[in-house]
Amino acid sequence: MWSVIGYILLALLGLLLLILLMPLYVRLRYREELVVCVHVLGIPVYRYSSAKPPKQQEQKTDKPVKKKTTEKPTMLNDLSVKLKTEGVRAVVDEIASLARIVSGAARRVFRAVTVDRLQLELVIASADAAATAQDTGKVCAVLYPALTTVQSVIRIRKRAVTVVPDYLGEKGRVTADVLIHAVPIRLVWAALCALVAYMAFQSRKSTNTGEDAKNG
């Protein structure tokens, strides 16, 4: 009896580990509308399109409309209370600690992601040829340094980025085709590390609060 349950648990654990080790591919395409496709082993598991669905007629209802009550985030309330009780220095230290946790998690996620293909084409056009030339220069001055910064953080295997001025056109356009992949277990590991760091931060904060209450 227990051996059968043990074999079933081991099989489920092996299946879960196999799923976490399978590369997850995400393809983003943009040409007047955004299309996102998620594939696992070549099998599509999710698809999103920004194309607007056909409008449906709204049915009239006599039910009264309830007003939504907006609640402030708990973290902002904590920071507000800390600012009043402990001063600016304590708030700055807490924000810095949270920023370190977020930046560490972001670095792990970026290391886990690989861009297999990055194709981007921007056609710059306006009514005036001089304005088109100026806009092209501005776009290049911002785009290529940004891509260099991104490539220093995320692995990009193939990159084809072009900025083309269209002196005869009146409207620019953007075409993009991006294929990225990641191993889910590395993303899970990044999330677990961030969770452990955040729990340790909360534990230190509660300890310091308790000591301040005793001293007060």
N, C-alpha and C. Protein backbone atom coordinates (compact mmCIF):
# COMPACT_ATOMS: atom_id res chain seq x y z
N MET A 1 0.84 -1.21 0.00
CA MET A 1 0.00 0.00 0.00
C MET A 1 0.87 1.26 0.00
N TRP A 2 1.77 1.33 1.03
CA TRP A 2 2.61 2.53 1.11
C TRP A 2 3.62 2.59 -0.02
N SER A 3 4.07 1.43 -0.49
CA SER A 3 5.02 1.43 -1.60
C SER A 3 4.37 1.95 -2.88
N VAL A 4 3.11 1.60 -3.10
CA VAL A 4 2.40 2.11 -4.28
C VAL A 4 2.25 3.62 -4.20
N ILE A 5 1.88 4.12 -3.03
CA ILE A 5 1.76 5.58 -2.85
C ILE A 5 3.11 6.25 -3.07
N GLY A 6 4.18 5.60 -2.56
CA GLY A 6 5.51 6.17 -2.75
C GLY A 6 5.89 6.24 -4.21
N TYR A 7 5.59 5.18 -4.99
CA TYR A 7 5.87 5.18 -6.42
C TYR A 7 5.08 6.26 -7.14
N ILE A 8 3.82 6.44 -6.73
CA ILE A 8 2.99 7.48 -7.37
C ILE A 8 3.56 8.86 -7.07
N LEU A 9 3.96 9.10 -5.83
CA LEU A 9 4.54 10.39 -5.48
C LEU A 9 5.84 10.63 -6.22
N LEU A 10 6.68 9.59 -6.34
CA LEU A 10 7.92 9.74 -7.09
C LEU A 10 7.65 10.03 -8.57
N ALA A 11 6.63 9.37 -9.13
CA ALA A 11 6.27 9.62 -10.53
C ALA A 11 5.79 11.05 -10.72
N LEU A 12 4.95 11.53 -9.80
CA LEU A 12 4.47 12.91 -9.89
C LEU A 12 5.62 13.90 -9.73
N LEU A 13 6.54 13.61 -8.81
CA LEU A 13 7.69 14.48 -8.62
C LEU A 13 8.58 14.51 -9.86
N GLY A 14 8.77 13.33 -10.46
CA GLY A 14 9.56 13.27 -11.70
C GLY A 14 8.89 14.02 -12.84
N LEU A 15 7.55 13.90 -12.93
CA LEU A 15 6.82 14.63 -13.97
C LEU A 15 6.93 16.13 -13.76
N LEU A 16 6.80 16.57 -12.50
CA LEU A 16 6.93 18.00 -12.21
C LEU A 16 8.33 18.50 -12.54
N LEU A 17 9.36 17.72 -12.20
CA LEU A 17 10.73 18.12 -12.52
C LEU A 17 10.94 18.17 -14.02
N LEU A 18 10.36 17.23 -14.75
CA LEU A 18 10.48 17.22 -16.21
C LEU A 18 9.83 18.46 -16.82
N ILE A 19 8.66 18.84 -16.29
CA ILE A 19 7.98 20.04 -16.79
C ILE A 19 8.81 21.29 -16.52
N LEU A 20 9.42 21.34 -15.33
CA LEU A 20 10.22 22.52 -14.98
C LEU A 20 11.50 22.60 -15.80
N LEU A 21 11.97 21.48 -16.33
CA LEU A 21 13.20 21.48 -17.12
C LEU A 21 12.95 21.69 -18.61
N MET A 22 11.68 21.65 -19.03
CA MET A 22 11.37 21.87 -20.45
C MET A 22 11.48 23.35 -20.80
N PRO A 23 12.20 23.70 -21.86
CA PRO A 23 12.29 25.10 -22.26
C PRO A 23 10.93 25.65 -22.66
N LEU A 24 10.65 26.85 -22.22
CA LEU A 24 9.40 27.54 -22.53
C LEU A 24 9.71 28.64 -23.54
N TYR A 25 9.10 28.56 -24.71
CA TYR A 25 9.35 29.52 -25.78
C TYR A 25 8.19 30.51 -25.88
N VAL A 26 8.54 31.77 -26.03
CA VAL A 26 7.54 32.83 -26.18
C VAL A 26 7.90 33.63 -27.43
N ARG A 27 6.95 33.77 -28.32
CA ARG A 27 7.15 34.55 -29.54
C ARG A 27 6.22 35.76 -29.55
N LEU A 28 6.80 36.92 -29.78
CA LEU A 28 6.03 38.16 -29.84
C LEU A 28 6.18 38.75 -31.23
N ARG A 29 5.06 38.99 -31.85
CA ARG A 29 5.05 39.60 -33.18
C ARG A 29 4.18 40.86 -33.15
N TYR A 30 4.67 41.90 -33.81
CA TYR A 30 3.91 43.14 -33.85
C TYR A 30 3.94 43.70 -35.26
N ARG A 31 2.79 43.87 -35.81
CA ARG A 31 2.59 44.57 -37.08
C ARG A 31 1.16 45.10 -37.07
N GLU A 32 1.00 46.30 -36.54
CA GLU A 32 -0.30 46.94 -36.32
C GLU A 32 -1.09 46.30 -35.19
N GLU A 33 -0.73 45.08 -34.80
CA GLU A 33 -1.34 44.44 -33.65
C GLU A 33 -0.31 43.49 -33.02
N LEU A 34 -0.45 43.29 -31.72
CA LEU A 34 0.49 42.44 -30.98
C LEU A 34 -0.07 41.03 -30.87
N VAL A 35 0.77 40.06 -31.20
CA VAL A 35 0.40 38.65 -31.09
C VAL A 35 1.47 37.96 -30.25
N VAL A 36 1.05 37.28 -29.18
CA VAL A 36 1.96 36.57 -28.28
C VAL A 36 1.58 35.09 -28.30
N CYS A 37 2.57 34.23 -28.57
CA CYS A 37 2.34 32.79 -28.59
C CYS A 37 3.35 32.12 -27.64
N VAL A 38 2.87 31.20 -26.83
CA VAL A 38 3.70 30.45 -25.91
C VAL A 38 3.71 29.00 -26.36
N HIS A 39 4.93 28.42 -26.49
CA HIS A 39 5.08 27.05 -26.97
C HIS A 39 5.89 26.24 -25.98
N VAL A 40 5.52 24.99 -25.81
CA VAL A 40 6.29 24.01 -25.04
C VAL A 40 6.44 22.78 -25.91
N LEU A 41 7.70 22.43 -26.24
CA LEU A 41 7.99 21.30 -27.12
C LEU A 41 7.29 21.46 -28.48
N GLY A 42 7.22 22.69 -28.95
CA GLY A 42 6.58 22.95 -30.24
C GLY A 42 5.07 22.95 -30.20
N ILE A 43 4.49 22.74 -29.02
CA ILE A 43 3.02 22.69 -28.89
C ILE A 43 2.54 24.04 -28.35
N PRO A 44 1.66 24.75 -29.05
CA PRO A 44 1.15 26.03 -28.53
C PRO A 44 0.24 25.80 -27.34
N VAL A 45 0.54 26.51 -26.27
CA VAL A 45 -0.27 26.38 -25.05
C VAL A 45 -1.00 27.69 -24.71
N TYR A 46 -0.62 28.79 -25.34
CA TYR A 46 -1.29 30.06 -25.04
C TYR A 46 -1.11 30.98 -26.24
N ARG A 47 -2.14 31.76 -26.53
CA ARG A 47 -2.07 32.74 -27.61
C ARG A 47 -2.86 33.98 -27.22
N TYR A 48 -2.26 35.13 -27.47
CA TYR A 48 -2.92 36.40 -27.18
C TYR A 48 -2.79 37.30 -28.40
N SER A 49 -3.86 38.01 -28.70
CA SER A 49 -3.85 38.97 -29.80
C SER A 49 -4.51 40.25 -29.32
N SER A 50 -3.89 41.37 -29.68
CA SER A 50 -4.46 42.66 -29.27
C SER A 50 -5.55 43.15 -30.20
N ALA A 51 -5.89 42.36 -31.21
CA ALA A 51 -6.98 42.75 -32.10
C ALA A 51 -8.27 42.84 -31.31
N LYS A 52 -9.01 43.90 -31.55
CA LYS A 52 -10.24 44.13 -30.80
C LYS A 52 -11.31 43.12 -31.21
N PRO A 53 -11.94 42.45 -30.26
CA PRO A 53 -13.02 41.52 -30.60
C PRO A 53 -14.25 42.29 -31.04
N PRO A 54 -15.17 41.65 -31.76
CA PRO A 54 -16.39 42.36 -32.16
C PRO A 54 -17.19 42.81 -30.95
N LYS A 55 -17.74 44.00 -31.08
CA LYS A 55 -18.49 44.58 -29.97
C LYS A 55 -19.79 43.81 -29.74
N GLN A 56 -20.07 43.55 -28.51
CA GLN A 56 -21.30 42.87 -28.15
C GLN A 56 -22.27 43.89 -27.54
N GLN A 57 -23.53 43.68 -27.82
CA GLN A 57 -24.53 44.59 -27.30
C GLN A 57 -24.65 44.40 -25.79
N GLU A 58 -24.59 45.51 -25.10
CA GLU A 58 -24.71 45.45 -23.66
C GLU A 58 -26.16 45.28 -23.25
N GLN A 59 -26.38 44.33 -22.37
CA GLN A 59 -27.73 44.10 -21.89
C GLN A 59 -28.03 45.06 -20.75
N LYS A 60 -29.20 45.65 -20.83
CA LYS A 60 -29.59 46.60 -19.80
C LYS A 60 -30.06 45.86 -18.56
N THR A 61 -29.56 46.27 -17.46
CA THR A 61 -29.93 45.66 -16.18
C THR A 61 -30.40 46.76 -15.24
N ASP A 62 -31.35 46.40 -14.39
CA ASP A 62 -31.88 47.36 -13.43
C ASP A 62 -31.16 47.30 -12.09
N LYS A 63 -30.09 46.48 -12.02
CA LYS A 63 -29.37 46.36 -10.76
C LYS A 63 -28.58 47.62 -10.49
N PRO A 64 -28.58 48.07 -9.26
CA PRO A 64 -27.81 49.27 -8.94
C PRO A 64 -26.32 49.03 -9.08
N VAL A 65 -25.63 50.03 -9.56
CA VAL A 65 -24.19 49.92 -9.75
C VAL A 65 -23.49 50.21 -8.43
N LYS A 66 -22.68 49.26 -8.01
CA LYS A 66 -21.95 49.43 -6.75
C LYS A 66 -20.68 50.22 -7.00
N LYS A 67 -20.44 51.15 -6.14
CA LYS A 67 -19.23 51.95 -6.26
C LYS A 67 -18.07 51.16 -5.68
N LYS A 68 -16.97 51.16 -6.45
CA LYS A 68 -15.78 50.44 -6.00
C LYS A 68 -15.03 51.29 -4.97
N THR A 69 -14.69 50.66 -3.91
CA THR A 69 -13.93 51.34 -2.88
C THR A 69 -12.46 51.05 -3.08
N THR A 70 -11.69 52.09 -3.18
CA THR A 70 -10.26 51.94 -3.38
C THR A 70 -9.54 51.94 -2.05
N GLU A 71 -8.71 50.95 -1.89
CA GLU A 71 -7.94 50.84 -0.67
C GLU A 71 -6.47 51.07 -0.98
N LYS A 72 -5.81 51.77 -0.08
CA LYS A 72 -4.40 52.04 -0.26
C LYS A 72 -3.59 50.79 0.02
N PRO A 73 -2.51 50.60 -0.74
CA PRO A 73 -1.67 49.43 -0.49
C PRO A 73 -1.11 49.45 0.92
N THR A 74 -0.98 48.27 1.50
CA THR A 74 -0.49 48.15 2.86
C THR A 74 0.94 48.66 2.99
N MET A 75 1.77 48.41 1.97
CA MET A 75 3.16 48.83 2.04
C MET A 75 3.27 50.35 2.13
N LEU A 76 2.43 51.06 1.37
CA LEU A 76 2.46 52.52 1.42
C LEU A 76 2.02 53.02 2.79
N ASN A 77 1.03 52.34 3.37
CA ASN A 77 0.61 52.71 4.73
C ASN A 77 1.73 52.50 5.73
N ASP A 78 2.45 51.38 5.60
CA ASP A 78 3.56 51.12 6.51
C ASP A 78 4.64 52.18 6.38
N LEU A 79 4.93 52.55 5.13
CA LEU A 79 5.96 53.58 4.93
C LEU A 79 5.52 54.92 5.48
N SER A 80 4.22 55.23 5.34
CA SER A 80 3.71 56.48 5.87
C SER A 80 3.81 56.52 7.40
N VAL A 81 3.44 55.41 8.04
CA VAL A 81 3.54 55.34 9.50
C VAL A 81 4.99 55.42 9.94
N LYS A 82 5.87 54.71 9.23
CA LYS A 82 7.29 54.73 9.58
C LYS A 82 7.88 56.12 9.41
N LEU A 83 7.42 56.83 8.39
CA LEU A 83 7.91 58.20 8.17
C LEU A 83 7.54 59.12 9.32
N LYS A 84 6.33 58.92 9.87
CA LYS A 84 5.88 59.77 10.97
C LYS A 84 6.55 59.40 12.29
N THR A 85 6.80 58.10 12.49
CA THR A 85 7.30 57.65 13.79
C THR A 85 8.82 57.59 13.86
N GLU A 86 9.47 57.14 12.76
CA GLU A 86 10.91 56.91 12.82
C GLU A 86 11.72 57.87 11.97
N GLY A 87 11.06 58.62 11.12
CA GLY A 87 11.78 59.62 10.34
C GLY A 87 12.14 59.16 8.94
N VAL A 88 12.79 60.06 8.20
CA VAL A 88 13.11 59.82 6.79
C VAL A 88 14.17 58.74 6.64
N ARG A 89 15.14 58.70 7.56
CA ARG A 89 16.25 57.73 7.44
C ARG A 89 15.73 56.29 7.43
N ALA A 90 14.79 55.97 8.30
CA ALA A 90 14.24 54.60 8.35
C ALA A 90 13.50 54.26 7.07
N VAL A 91 12.76 55.22 6.52
CA VAL A 91 12.03 54.97 5.27
C VAL A 91 13.00 54.74 4.12
N VAL A 92 14.06 55.55 4.06
CA VAL A 92 15.05 55.39 3.00
C VAL A 92 15.74 54.04 3.10
N ASP A 93 16.08 53.61 4.31
CA ASP A 93 16.72 52.30 4.50
C ASP A 93 15.80 51.16 4.06
N GLU A 94 14.50 51.28 4.38
CA GLU A 94 13.56 50.23 4.00
C GLU A 94 13.39 50.17 2.49
N ILE A 95 13.29 51.33 1.83
CA ILE A 95 13.16 51.36 0.38
C ILE A 95 14.41 50.80 -0.28
N ALA A 96 15.58 51.11 0.28
CA ALA A 96 16.83 50.59 -0.29
C ALA A 96 16.90 49.07 -0.16
N SER A 97 16.45 48.54 0.97
CA SER A 97 16.45 47.09 1.16
C SER A 97 15.51 46.42 0.15
N LEU A 98 14.32 46.98 -0.03
CA LEU A 98 13.39 46.42 -1.02
C LEU A 98 13.95 46.53 -2.43
N ALA A 99 14.64 47.63 -2.72
CA ALA A 99 15.24 47.79 -4.05
C ALA A 99 16.31 46.74 -4.31
N ARG A 100 17.10 46.40 -3.28
CA ARG A 100 18.12 45.36 -3.44
C ARG A 100 17.48 44.00 -3.71
N ILE A 101 16.36 43.71 -3.03
CA ILE A 101 15.67 42.44 -3.26
C ILE A 101 15.13 42.38 -4.70
N VAL A 102 14.52 43.47 -5.15
CA VAL A 102 13.95 43.50 -6.50
C VAL A 102 15.04 43.40 -7.56
N SER A 103 16.15 44.13 -7.37
CA SER A 103 17.23 44.10 -8.35
C SER A 103 17.89 42.72 -8.42
N GLY A 104 18.04 42.06 -7.25
CA GLY A 104 18.60 40.72 -7.25
C GLY A 104 17.71 39.73 -7.99
N ALA A 105 16.40 39.82 -7.76
CA ALA A 105 15.46 38.94 -8.47
C ALA A 105 15.47 39.23 -9.97
N ALA A 106 15.56 40.51 -10.33
CA ALA A 106 15.57 40.87 -11.75
C ALA A 106 16.82 40.33 -12.44
N ARG A 107 17.98 40.40 -11.78
CA ARG A 107 19.21 39.86 -12.37
C ARG A 107 19.10 38.36 -12.60
N ARG A 108 18.52 37.63 -11.65
CA ARG A 108 18.36 36.19 -11.83
C ARG A 108 17.41 35.87 -12.98
N VAL A 109 16.33 36.65 -13.10
CA VAL A 109 15.38 36.42 -14.19
C VAL A 109 16.04 36.72 -15.53
N PHE A 110 16.80 37.82 -15.61
CA PHE A 110 17.46 38.18 -16.86
C PHE A 110 18.48 37.12 -17.28
N ARG A 111 19.18 36.55 -16.30
CA ARG A 111 20.16 35.50 -16.62
C ARG A 111 19.47 34.22 -17.09
N ALA A 112 18.22 34.02 -16.67
CA ALA A 112 17.49 32.81 -17.06
C ALA A 112 16.84 32.92 -18.43
N VAL A 113 16.77 34.13 -18.99
CA VAL A 113 16.09 34.36 -20.25
C VAL A 113 17.11 34.49 -21.37
N THR A 114 16.82 33.87 -22.51
CA THR A 114 17.66 33.99 -23.70
C THR A 114 16.80 34.45 -24.87
N VAL A 115 17.26 35.46 -25.56
CA VAL A 115 16.56 35.95 -26.76
C VAL A 115 17.18 35.24 -27.96
N ASP A 116 16.43 34.34 -28.56
CA ASP A 116 16.93 33.61 -29.73
C ASP A 116 16.90 34.45 -31.00
N ARG A 117 15.91 35.32 -31.10
CA ARG A 117 15.81 36.14 -32.30
C ARG A 117 15.19 37.48 -31.93
N LEU A 118 15.80 38.54 -32.39
CA LEU A 118 15.27 39.89 -32.19
C LEU A 118 15.30 40.62 -33.52
N GLN A 119 14.15 40.74 -34.13
CA GLN A 119 14.01 41.45 -35.39
C GLN A 119 13.12 42.67 -35.17
N LEU A 120 13.65 43.82 -35.47
CA LEU A 120 12.92 45.06 -35.24
C LEU A 120 13.20 46.01 -36.40
N GLU A 121 12.14 46.51 -36.98
CA GLU A 121 12.25 47.47 -38.08
C GLU A 121 11.36 48.67 -37.79
N LEU A 122 11.96 49.84 -37.82
CA LEU A 122 11.23 51.08 -37.60
C LEU A 122 11.34 51.93 -38.85
N VAL A 123 10.21 52.28 -39.40
CA VAL A 123 10.16 53.16 -40.56
C VAL A 123 9.70 54.54 -40.07
N ILE A 124 10.56 55.51 -40.23
CA ILE A 124 10.29 56.86 -39.75
C ILE A 124 9.79 57.70 -40.91
N ALA A 125 8.63 58.30 -40.73
CA ALA A 125 8.06 59.13 -41.80
C ALA A 125 7.26 60.25 -41.18
N SER A 126 7.28 61.40 -41.85
CA SER A 126 6.47 62.55 -41.46
C SER A 126 6.19 63.37 -42.70
N ALA A 127 5.43 64.42 -42.53
CA ALA A 127 5.04 65.21 -43.70
C ALA A 127 6.20 65.97 -44.30
N ASP A 128 7.22 66.28 -43.51
CA ASP A 128 8.35 67.08 -43.96
C ASP A 128 9.59 66.20 -43.99
N ALA A 129 10.38 66.30 -45.04
CA ALA A 129 11.59 65.49 -45.18
C ALA A 129 12.62 65.85 -44.11
N ALA A 130 12.73 67.13 -43.81
CA ALA A 130 13.70 67.54 -42.78
C ALA A 130 13.31 66.98 -41.42
N ALA A 131 12.03 67.01 -41.11
CA ALA A 131 11.57 66.45 -39.83
C ALA A 131 11.79 64.94 -39.79
N THR A 132 11.63 64.27 -40.94
CA THR A 132 11.88 62.82 -40.99
C THR A 132 13.33 62.52 -40.68
N ALA A 133 14.25 63.30 -41.25
CA ALA A 133 15.67 63.08 -40.99
C ALA A 133 16.01 63.33 -39.52
N GLN A 134 15.46 64.40 -38.95
CA GLN A 134 15.71 64.69 -37.53
C GLN A 134 15.14 63.60 -36.63
N ASP A 135 13.92 63.15 -36.92
CA ASP A 135 13.31 62.09 -36.10
C ASP A 135 14.10 60.78 -36.21
N THR A 136 14.62 60.49 -37.38
CA THR A 136 15.43 59.28 -37.55
C THR A 136 16.68 59.34 -36.69
N GLY A 137 17.33 60.49 -36.67
CA GLY A 137 18.52 60.64 -35.83
C GLY A 137 18.20 60.52 -34.35
N LYS A 138 17.07 61.09 -33.92
CA LYS A 138 16.68 60.99 -32.52
C LYS A 138 16.39 59.55 -32.11
N VAL A 139 15.68 58.82 -32.99
CA VAL A 139 15.35 57.42 -32.69
C VAL A 139 16.62 56.58 -32.59
N CYS A 140 17.55 56.78 -33.53
CA CYS A 140 18.81 56.02 -33.50
C CYS A 140 19.62 56.34 -32.24
N ALA A 141 19.60 57.61 -31.83
CA ALA A 141 20.38 58.02 -30.65
C ALA A 141 19.85 57.39 -29.37
N VAL A 142 18.55 57.07 -29.35
CA VAL A 142 17.96 56.45 -28.16
C VAL A 142 17.94 54.93 -28.27
N LEU A 143 17.61 54.40 -29.45
CA LEU A 143 17.37 52.98 -29.61
C LEU A 143 18.64 52.14 -29.48
N TYR A 144 19.69 52.48 -30.20
CA TYR A 144 20.87 51.62 -30.22
C TYR A 144 21.62 51.59 -28.88
N PRO A 145 21.77 52.71 -28.16
CA PRO A 145 22.35 52.59 -26.81
C PRO A 145 21.48 51.75 -25.87
N ALA A 146 20.15 51.87 -26.01
CA ALA A 146 19.26 51.06 -25.16
C ALA A 146 19.43 49.57 -25.48
N LEU A 147 19.57 49.22 -26.75
CA LEU A 147 19.77 47.82 -27.12
C LEU A 147 21.11 47.30 -26.61
N THR A 148 22.13 48.15 -26.63
CA THR A 148 23.42 47.74 -26.08
C THR A 148 23.32 47.46 -24.59
N THR A 149 22.57 48.29 -23.87
CA THR A 149 22.38 48.06 -22.44
C THR A 149 21.61 46.77 -22.18
N VAL A 150 20.57 46.53 -22.97
CA VAL A 150 19.79 45.31 -22.80
C VAL A 150 20.64 44.08 -23.10
N GLN A 151 21.47 44.16 -24.14
CA GLN A 151 22.29 43.02 -24.52
C GLN A 151 23.37 42.72 -23.48
N SER A 152 23.74 43.71 -22.69
CA SER A 152 24.71 43.47 -21.63
C SER A 152 24.09 42.72 -20.45
N VAL A 153 22.76 42.69 -20.39
CA VAL A 153 22.06 42.03 -19.29
C VAL A 153 21.45 40.70 -19.73
N ILE A 154 20.87 40.67 -20.93
CA ILE A 154 20.19 39.49 -21.45
C ILE A 154 20.95 38.96 -22.66
N ARG A 155 21.07 37.65 -22.77
CA ARG A 155 21.73 37.05 -23.92
C ARG A 155 20.84 37.19 -25.15
N ILE A 156 21.41 37.74 -26.22
CA ILE A 156 20.71 37.88 -27.49
C ILE A 156 21.55 37.18 -28.55
N ARG A 157 21.01 36.11 -29.15
CA ARG A 157 21.77 35.32 -30.11
C ARG A 157 21.77 35.94 -31.50
N LYS A 158 20.60 36.32 -31.99
CA LYS A 158 20.50 36.92 -33.31
C LYS A 158 19.76 38.25 -33.19
N ARG A 159 20.35 39.28 -33.76
CA ARG A 159 19.73 40.60 -33.66
C ARG A 159 19.78 41.28 -35.02
N ALA A 160 18.63 41.79 -35.45
CA ALA A 160 18.53 42.53 -36.70
C ALA A 160 17.61 43.72 -36.45
N VAL A 161 18.21 44.86 -36.21
CA VAL A 161 17.47 46.07 -35.88
C VAL A 161 17.82 47.13 -36.93
N THR A 162 16.80 47.65 -37.58
CA THR A 162 17.01 48.66 -38.62
C THR A 162 16.06 49.83 -38.39
N VAL A 163 16.58 51.00 -38.67
CA VAL A 163 15.79 52.23 -38.64
C VAL A 163 15.89 52.86 -40.01
N VAL A 164 14.76 52.97 -40.69
CA VAL A 164 14.74 53.41 -42.09
C VAL A 164 13.89 54.67 -42.21
N PRO A 165 14.44 55.75 -42.78
CA PRO A 165 13.62 56.94 -43.03
C PRO A 165 12.83 56.78 -44.33
N ASP A 166 11.58 57.17 -44.30
CA ASP A 166 10.71 57.14 -45.48
C ASP A 166 10.32 58.58 -45.79
N TYR A 167 11.05 59.17 -46.73
CA TYR A 167 10.84 60.58 -47.04
C TYR A 167 9.59 60.83 -47.87
N LEU A 168 9.04 59.79 -48.46
CA LEU A 168 7.84 59.96 -49.28
C LEU A 168 6.57 59.61 -48.52
N GLY A 169 6.69 58.92 -47.43
CA GLY A 169 5.52 58.53 -46.67
C GLY A 169 5.11 59.59 -45.66
N GLU A 170 3.94 59.44 -45.12
CA GLU A 170 3.43 60.38 -44.13
C GLU A 170 3.22 59.75 -42.77
N LYS A 171 3.34 58.44 -42.68
CA LYS A 171 3.10 57.75 -41.42
C LYS A 171 4.13 56.64 -41.24
N GLY A 172 4.75 56.62 -40.08
CA GLY A 172 5.72 55.58 -39.79
C GLY A 172 5.06 54.29 -39.36
N ARG A 173 5.87 53.26 -39.25
CA ARG A 173 5.34 51.96 -38.82
C ARG A 173 6.45 51.19 -38.11
N VAL A 174 6.02 50.23 -37.32
CA VAL A 174 6.94 49.40 -36.54
C VAL A 174 6.60 47.94 -36.79
N THR A 175 7.62 47.14 -37.06
CA THR A 175 7.47 45.70 -37.25
C THR A 175 8.46 45.00 -36.32
N ALA A 176 7.98 44.04 -35.56
CA ALA A 176 8.84 43.34 -34.60
C ALA A 176 8.51 41.86 -34.59
N ASP A 177 9.56 41.07 -34.42
CA ASP A 177 9.41 39.61 -34.29
C ASP A 177 10.48 39.15 -33.30
N VAL A 178 10.05 38.75 -32.11
CA VAL A 178 10.97 38.39 -31.03
C VAL A 178 10.65 36.99 -30.56
N LEU A 179 11.69 36.18 -30.44
CA LEU A 179 11.55 34.81 -29.92
C LEU A 179 12.49 34.66 -28.72
N ILE A 180 11.93 34.35 -27.57
CA ILE A 180 12.72 34.16 -26.36
C ILE A 180 12.37 32.81 -25.74
N HIS A 181 13.30 32.30 -24.95
CA HIS A 181 13.02 31.06 -24.24
C HIS A 181 13.67 31.10 -22.87
N ALA A 182 13.12 30.32 -21.97
CA ALA A 182 13.62 30.23 -20.61
C ALA A 182 13.28 28.87 -20.05
N VAL A 183 14.11 28.39 -19.14
CA VAL A 183 13.84 27.13 -18.44
C VAL A 183 13.06 27.47 -17.18
N PRO A 184 11.85 26.95 -17.01
CA PRO A 184 11.00 27.36 -15.88
C PRO A 184 11.64 27.16 -14.52
N ILE A 185 12.49 26.14 -14.36
CA ILE A 185 13.06 25.90 -13.03
C ILE A 185 13.97 27.04 -12.61
N ARG A 186 14.60 27.70 -13.56
CA ARG A 186 15.45 28.85 -13.22
C ARG A 186 14.60 30.05 -12.80
N LEU A 187 13.43 30.20 -13.42
CA LEU A 187 12.53 31.27 -13.01
C LEU A 187 11.95 30.99 -11.63
N VAL A 188 11.63 29.72 -11.38
CA VAL A 188 11.13 29.34 -10.05
C VAL A 188 12.20 29.59 -8.99
N TRP A 189 13.45 29.27 -9.31
CA TRP A 189 14.54 29.50 -8.37
C TRP A 189 14.70 30.99 -8.07
N ALA A 190 14.57 31.83 -9.10
CA ALA A 190 14.66 33.28 -8.88
C ALA A 190 13.52 33.76 -7.98
N ALA A 191 12.31 33.22 -8.20
CA ALA A 191 11.17 33.61 -7.36
C ALA A 191 11.37 33.14 -5.92
N LEU A 192 11.91 31.92 -5.72
CA LEU A 192 12.15 31.42 -4.37
C LEU A 192 13.21 32.25 -3.65
N CYS A 193 14.27 32.60 -4.35
CA CYS A 193 15.31 33.44 -3.74
C CYS A 193 14.75 34.79 -3.33
N ALA A 194 13.92 35.38 -4.18
CA ALA A 194 13.30 36.67 -3.84
C ALA A 194 12.36 36.52 -2.65
N LEU A 195 11.62 35.41 -2.60
CA LEU A 195 10.70 35.18 -1.47
C LEU A 195 11.46 35.02 -0.17
N VAL A 196 12.56 34.25 -0.20
CA VAL A 196 13.36 34.05 1.01
C VAL A 196 13.97 35.38 1.47
N ALA A 197 14.48 36.16 0.52
CA ALA A 197 15.06 37.46 0.89
C ALA A 197 14.00 38.39 1.48
N TYR A 198 12.80 38.37 0.91
CA TYR A 198 11.73 39.23 1.43
C TYR A 198 11.28 38.78 2.81
N MET A 199 11.19 37.46 3.02
CA MET A 199 10.81 36.96 4.35
C MET A 199 11.87 37.31 5.39
N ALA A 200 13.14 37.23 5.01
CA ALA A 200 14.20 37.62 5.93
C ALA A 200 14.12 39.11 6.25
N PHE A 201 13.79 39.91 5.24
CA PHE A 201 13.64 41.35 5.46
C PHE A 201 12.48 41.64 6.41
N GLN A 202 11.35 40.94 6.22
CA GLN A 202 10.21 41.13 7.11
C GLN A 202 10.53 40.68 8.53
N SER A 203 11.32 39.59 8.65
CA SER A 203 11.70 39.11 9.98
C SER A 203 12.58 40.11 10.70
N ARG A 204 13.55 40.67 9.97
CA ARG A 204 14.42 41.69 10.58
C ARG A 204 13.62 42.92 10.98
N LYS A 205 12.64 43.29 10.14
CA LYS A 205 11.85 44.48 10.44
C LYS A 205 10.99 44.27 11.68
N SER A 206 10.38 43.08 11.79
CA SER A 206 9.55 42.80 12.98
C SER A 206 10.42 42.71 14.23
N THR A 207 11.65 42.17 14.11
CA THR A 207 12.55 42.11 15.26
C THR A 207 12.94 43.49 15.73
N ASN A 208 13.27 44.36 14.76
CA ASN A 208 13.64 45.73 15.12
C ASN A 208 12.47 46.49 15.73
N THR A 209 11.26 46.22 15.20
CA THR A 209 10.08 46.88 15.77
C THR A 209 9.83 46.44 17.21
N GLY A 210 10.02 45.13 17.48
CA GLY A 210 9.85 44.63 18.84
C GLY A 210 10.88 45.20 19.80
N GLU A 211 12.14 45.32 19.34
CA GLU A 211 13.16 45.90 20.20
C GLU A 211 12.89 47.37 20.47
N ASP A 212 12.42 48.10 19.45
CA ASP A 212 12.09 49.51 19.66
C ASP A 212 10.93 49.67 20.65
N ALA A 213 9.95 48.75 20.58
CA ALA A 213 8.83 48.82 21.51
C ALA A 213 9.29 48.55 22.95
N LYS A 214 10.23 47.61 23.12
CA LYS A 214 10.74 47.33 24.47
C LYS A 214 11.53 48.50 25.00
N ASN A 215 12.36 49.11 24.14
CA ASN A 215 13.16 50.23 24.58
C ASN A 215 12.31 51.45 24.88
N GLY A 216 11.19 51.56 24.11
CA GLY A 216 10.31 52.71 24.36
C GLY A 216 9.52 52.53 25.63
